[in-house]
């Protein structure tokens, strides 16, 4: 039977923390976006991350582990940077989309790192793979959003 090591618990909590950060960041981006399509995209991504966080917490608790309850300081700083960038940028929709792309690529890398862990229970591997694939698919299809700007 697969079990959670302390290292796995830490990695899953890191993903959960970054999921909170992404949700808040997408909400913030939706507030600043001028394009209706981009607002809709960012709102959808925020809702998606809310669901991801809920599913991650459920999975972590299923195996008797504790989970983090909020976002990171780095995430709060990044959202503040997005506020500043939106304020000073004449082309803020494109700048925010580029920031989102950068964050999504980092999220995929983090998921891949955790999925290398051989001691993950099957249900955790399945959940993480599904979430990573959703992020990856959206990243691959983001061209349509960029074209709409």
C-alpha atoms as a PDB file:
ATOM      1  CA  UNK A   1       0.000   0.000   0.000  1.00  0.00           C
ATOM      2  CA  UNK A   2       1.252   3.446  -0.860  1.00  0.00           C
ATOM      3  CA  UNK A   3       1.566   5.966   1.917  1.00  0.00           C
ATOM      4  CA  UNK A   4       2.320   9.624   2.296  1.00  0.00           C
ATOM      5  CA  UNK A   5       5.788  10.408   3.506  1.00  0.00           C
ATOM      6  CA  UNK A   6       6.510  13.739   5.152  1.00  0.00           C
ATOM      7  CA  UNK A   7       8.164  14.807   1.895  1.00  0.00           C
ATOM      8  CA  UNK A   8       5.052  13.924  -0.129  1.00  0.00           C
ATOM      9  CA  UNK A   9       2.840  15.762   2.348  1.00  0.00           C
ATOM     10  CA  UNK A  10       5.063  18.832   2.003  1.00  0.00           C
ATOM     11  CA  UNK A  11       4.976  18.655  -1.804  1.00  0.00           C
ATOM     12  CA  UNK A  12       1.191  18.260  -1.884  1.00  0.00           C
ATOM     13  CA  UNK A  13       0.781  21.180   0.506  1.00  0.00           C
ATOM     14  CA  UNK A  14       3.044  23.246  -1.739  1.00  0.00           C
ATOM     15  CA  UNK A  15       0.775  22.480  -4.689  1.00  0.00           C
ATOM     16  CA  UNK A  16      -2.275  23.299  -2.571  1.00  0.00           C
ATOM     17  CA  UNK A  17      -0.741  26.611  -1.471  1.00  0.00           C
ATOM     18  CA  UNK A  18       0.077  27.511  -5.066  1.00  0.00           C
ATOM     19  CA  UNK A  19      -3.440  26.504  -6.079  1.00  0.00           C
ATOM     20  CA  UNK A  20      -4.799  29.038  -3.570  1.00  0.00           C
ATOM     21  CA  UNK A  21      -2.375  31.605  -4.978  1.00  0.00           C
ATOM     22  CA  UNK A  22      -3.439  30.866  -8.549  1.00  0.00           C
ATOM     23  CA  UNK A  23      -7.132  31.143  -7.651  1.00  0.00           C
ATOM     24  CA  UNK A  24      -6.576  34.539  -6.030  1.00  0.00           C
ATOM     25  CA  UNK A  25      -4.324  35.647  -8.890  1.00  0.00           C
ATOM     26  CA  UNK A  26      -6.876  34.709 -11.535  1.00  0.00           C
ATOM     27  CA  UNK A  27      -9.578  36.583  -9.597  1.00  0.00           C
ATOM     28  CA  UNK A  28      -7.329  39.622  -9.437  1.00  0.00           C
ATOM     29  CA  UNK A  29      -6.556  39.371 -13.146  1.00  0.00           C
ATOM     30  CA  UNK A  30     -10.281  39.134 -13.947  1.00  0.00           C
ATOM     31  CA  UNK A  31     -10.819  42.380 -12.024  1.00  0.00           C
ATOM     32  CA  UNK A  32      -8.203  44.186 -14.117  1.00  0.00           C
ATOM     33  CA  UNK A  33      -8.834  42.672 -17.548  1.00  0.00           C
ATOM     34  CA  UNK A  34     -10.423  44.951 -20.115  1.00  0.00           C
ATOM     35  CA  UNK A  35     -11.331  42.238 -22.620  1.00  0.00           C
ATOM     36  CA  UNK A  36     -14.593  40.405 -21.892  1.00  0.00           C
ATOM     37  CA  UNK A  37     -13.084  37.188 -23.260  1.00  0.00           C
ATOM     38  CA  UNK A  38     -10.099  37.526 -20.966  1.00  0.00           C
ATOM     39  CA  UNK A  39     -12.291  38.325 -17.932  1.00  0.00           C
ATOM     40  CA  UNK A  40     -14.294  35.182 -18.671  1.00  0.00           C
ATOM     41  CA  UNK A  41     -11.108  33.134 -19.102  1.00  0.00           C
ATOM     42  CA  UNK A  42      -9.618  34.368 -15.816  1.00  0.00           C
ATOM     43  CA  UNK A  43     -12.895  33.788 -13.918  1.00  0.00           C
ATOM     44  CA  UNK A  44     -13.097  30.256 -15.288  1.00  0.00           C
ATOM     45  CA  UNK A  45      -9.499  29.586 -14.260  1.00  0.00           C
ATOM     46  CA  UNK A  46     -10.195  30.948 -10.736  1.00  0.00           C
ATOM     47  CA  UNK A  47     -13.203  28.630 -10.409  1.00  0.00           C
ATOM     48  CA  UNK A  48     -11.126  25.735 -11.702  1.00  0.00           C
ATOM     49  CA  UNK A  49      -8.420  26.376  -9.101  1.00  0.00           C
ATOM     50  CA  UNK A  50     -11.047  26.598  -6.356  1.00  0.00           C
ATOM     51  CA  UNK A  51     -12.209  23.098  -7.366  1.00  0.00           C
ATOM     52  CA  UNK A  52      -8.612  21.861  -7.593  1.00  0.00           C
ATOM     53  CA  UNK A  53      -7.948  23.113  -4.055  1.00  0.00           C
ATOM     54  CA  UNK A  54     -11.056  21.436  -2.678  1.00  0.00           C
ATOM     55  CA  UNK A  55     -10.142  18.147  -4.360  1.00  0.00           C
ATOM     56  CA  UNK A  56      -6.542  18.352  -3.109  1.00  0.00           C
ATOM     57  CA  UNK A  57      -7.658  19.027   0.470  1.00  0.00           C
ATOM     58  CA  UNK A  58     -10.044  16.065   0.319  1.00  0.00           C
ATOM     59  CA  UNK A  59      -7.253  13.817  -0.953  1.00  0.00           C
ATOM     60  CA  UNK A  60      -4.757  14.991   1.673  1.00  0.00           C
ATOM     61  CA  UNK A  61      -7.260  14.453   4.497  1.00  0.00           C
ATOM     62  CA  UNK A  62      -8.219  11.020   3.118  1.00  0.00           C
ATOM     63  CA  UNK A  63      -4.728   9.855   4.053  1.00  0.00           C
ATOM     64  CA  UNK A  64      -4.785  11.442   7.502  1.00  0.00           C
ATOM     65  CA  UNK A  65      -2.592  14.400   6.678  1.00  0.00           C
ATOM     66  CA  UNK A  66      -2.897  18.096   7.521  1.00  0.00           C
ATOM     67  CA  UNK A  67      -3.307  20.705   4.820  1.00  0.00           C
ATOM     68  CA  UNK A  68      -2.330  24.356   4.493  1.00  0.00           C
ATOM     69  CA  UNK A  69      -5.137  26.844   4.953  1.00  0.00           C
ATOM     70  CA  UNK A  70      -4.032  29.821   2.866  1.00  0.00           C
ATOM     71  CA  UNK A  71      -1.867  31.186   0.115  1.00  0.00           C
ATOM     72  CA  UNK A  72       1.780  32.049   0.283  1.00  0.00           C
ATOM     73  CA  UNK A  73       3.539  35.335   0.916  1.00  0.00           C
ATOM     74  CA  UNK A  74       5.122  35.027  -2.520  1.00  0.00           C
ATOM     75  CA  UNK A  75       1.663  34.679  -4.056  1.00  0.00           C
ATOM     76  CA  UNK A  76       0.430  37.799  -2.278  1.00  0.00           C
ATOM     77  CA  UNK A  77       3.485  39.678  -3.533  1.00  0.00           C
ATOM     78  CA  UNK A  78       2.839  38.429  -7.075  1.00  0.00           C
ATOM     79  CA  UNK A  79      -0.767  39.666  -6.951  1.00  0.00           C
ATOM     80  CA  UNK A  80       0.474  43.049  -5.738  1.00  0.00           C
ATOM     81  CA  UNK A  81       2.891  43.083  -8.658  1.00  0.00           C
ATOM     82  CA  UNK A  82      -0.032  42.354 -10.999  1.00  0.00           C
ATOM     83  CA  UNK A  83      -1.846  45.378  -9.533  1.00  0.00           C
ATOM     84  CA  UNK A  84       1.171  47.596 -10.163  1.00  0.00           C
ATOM     85  CA  UNK A  85       1.666  46.173 -13.646  1.00  0.00           C
ATOM     86  CA  UNK A  86      -1.998  46.721 -14.510  1.00  0.00           C
ATOM     87  CA  UNK A  87      -1.797  50.293 -13.260  1.00  0.00           C
ATOM     88  CA  UNK A  88       1.265  51.223 -15.310  1.00  0.00           C
ATOM     89  CA  UNK A  89       0.878  49.006 -18.353  1.00  0.00           C
ATOM     90  CA  UNK A  90      -0.861  50.405 -21.411  1.00  0.00           C
ATOM     91  CA  UNK A  91      -1.306  46.845 -22.685  1.00  0.00           C
ATOM     92  CA  UNK A  92      -2.254  45.235 -19.388  1.00  0.00           C
ATOM     93  CA  UNK A  93      -4.454  42.432 -20.780  1.00  0.00           C
ATOM     94  CA  UNK A  94      -1.535  41.018 -22.712  1.00  0.00           C
ATOM     95  CA  UNK A  95       0.825  41.500 -19.760  1.00  0.00           C
ATOM     96  CA  UNK A  96      -1.561  39.707 -17.379  1.00  0.00           C
ATOM     97  CA  UNK A  97      -2.036  36.870 -19.851  1.00  0.00           C
ATOM     98  CA  UNK A  98       1.740  36.481 -20.106  1.00  0.00           C
ATOM     99  CA  UNK A  99       1.948  36.342 -16.297  1.00  0.00           C
ATOM    100  CA  UNK A 100      -0.769  33.684 -16.286  1.00  0.00           C
ATOM    101  CA  UNK A 101       1.113  31.636 -18.877  1.00  0.00           C
ATOM    102  CA  UNK A 102       4.278  31.820 -16.783  1.00  0.00           C
ATOM    103  CA  UNK A 103       2.365  30.681 -13.692  1.00  0.00           C
ATOM    104  CA  UNK A 104       0.684  27.823 -15.541  1.00  0.00           C
ATOM    105  CA  UNK A 105       4.030  26.545 -16.832  1.00  0.00           C
ATOM    106  CA  UNK A 106       5.415  26.630 -13.284  1.00  0.00           C
ATOM    107  CA  UNK A 107       2.352  24.735 -12.011  1.00  0.00           C
ATOM    108  CA  UNK A 108       2.862  21.979 -14.579  1.00  0.00           C
ATOM    109  CA  UNK A 109       6.504  21.646 -13.532  1.00  0.00           C
ATOM    110  CA  UNK A 110       5.482  21.348  -9.891  1.00  0.00           C
ATOM    111  CA  UNK A 111       2.882  18.685 -10.654  1.00  0.00           C
ATOM    112  CA  UNK A 112       5.458  16.703 -12.658  1.00  0.00           C
ATOM    113  CA  UNK A 113       7.880  16.874  -9.734  1.00  0.00           C
ATOM    114  CA  UNK A 114       5.329  15.463  -7.295  1.00  0.00           C
ATOM    115  CA  UNK A 115       4.173  12.807  -9.770  1.00  0.00           C
ATOM    116  CA  UNK A 116       7.745  11.445  -9.863  1.00  0.00           C
ATOM    117  CA  UNK A 117       7.156  10.330  -6.269  1.00  0.00           C
ATOM    118  CA  UNK A 118       6.715   6.564  -6.431  1.00  0.00           C
ATOM    119  CA  UNK A 119       4.973   6.218  -3.069  1.00  0.00           C
ATOM    120  CA  UNK A 120       1.845   8.140  -4.055  1.00  0.00           C
ATOM    121  CA  UNK A 121      -1.451   6.322  -3.645  1.00  0.00           C
ATOM    122  CA  UNK A 122      -3.185   5.626  -6.958  1.00  0.00           C
ATOM    123  CA  UNK A 123      -6.001   8.066  -6.177  1.00  0.00           C
ATOM    124  CA  UNK A 124      -3.498  10.879  -5.583  1.00  0.00           C
ATOM    125  CA  UNK A 125      -1.615  10.103  -8.792  1.00  0.00           C
ATOM    126  CA  UNK A 126      -4.886  10.102 -10.719  1.00  0.00           C
ATOM    127  CA  UNK A 127      -6.034  13.414  -9.208  1.00  0.00           C
ATOM    128  CA  UNK A 128      -2.725  15.169  -9.816  1.00  0.00           C
ATOM    129  CA  UNK A 129      -2.500  13.844 -13.368  1.00  0.00           C
ATOM    130  CA  UNK A 130      -6.028  15.054 -14.157  1.00  0.00           C
ATOM    131  CA  UNK A 131      -5.325  18.511 -12.745  1.00  0.00           C
ATOM    132  CA  UNK A 132      -1.982  18.794 -14.528  1.00  0.00           C
ATOM    133  CA  UNK A 133      -3.533  17.689 -17.829  1.00  0.00           C
ATOM    134  CA  UNK A 134      -6.293  20.307 -17.493  1.00  0.00           C
ATOM    135  CA  UNK A 135      -3.721  23.049 -16.911  1.00  0.00           C
ATOM    136  CA  UNK A 136      -1.635  21.773 -19.826  1.00  0.00           C
ATOM    137  CA  UNK A 137      -4.619  21.601 -22.192  1.00  0.00           C
ATOM    138  CA  UNK A 138      -5.645  25.156 -21.325  1.00  0.00           C
ATOM    139  CA  UNK A 139      -2.070  26.318 -21.797  1.00  0.00           C
ATOM    140  CA  UNK A 140      -1.935  24.688 -25.224  1.00  0.00           C
ATOM    141  CA  UNK A 141      -5.233  26.307 -26.196  1.00  0.00           C
ATOM    142  CA  UNK A 142      -4.424  29.757 -24.837  1.00  0.00           C
ATOM    143  CA  UNK A 143      -3.592  30.964 -28.348  1.00  0.00           C
ATOM    144  CA  UNK A 144      -7.309  31.642 -28.912  1.00  0.00           C
ATOM    145  CA  UNK A 145      -7.361  33.948 -25.907  1.00  0.00           C
ATOM    146  CA  UNK A 146      -4.220  35.711 -27.122  1.00  0.00           C
ATOM    147  CA  UNK A 147      -5.739  36.142 -30.591  1.00  0.00           C
ATOM    148  CA  UNK A 148      -8.846  37.747 -29.083  1.00  0.00           C
ATOM    149  CA  UNK A 149      -6.780  40.518 -27.477  1.00  0.00           C
END
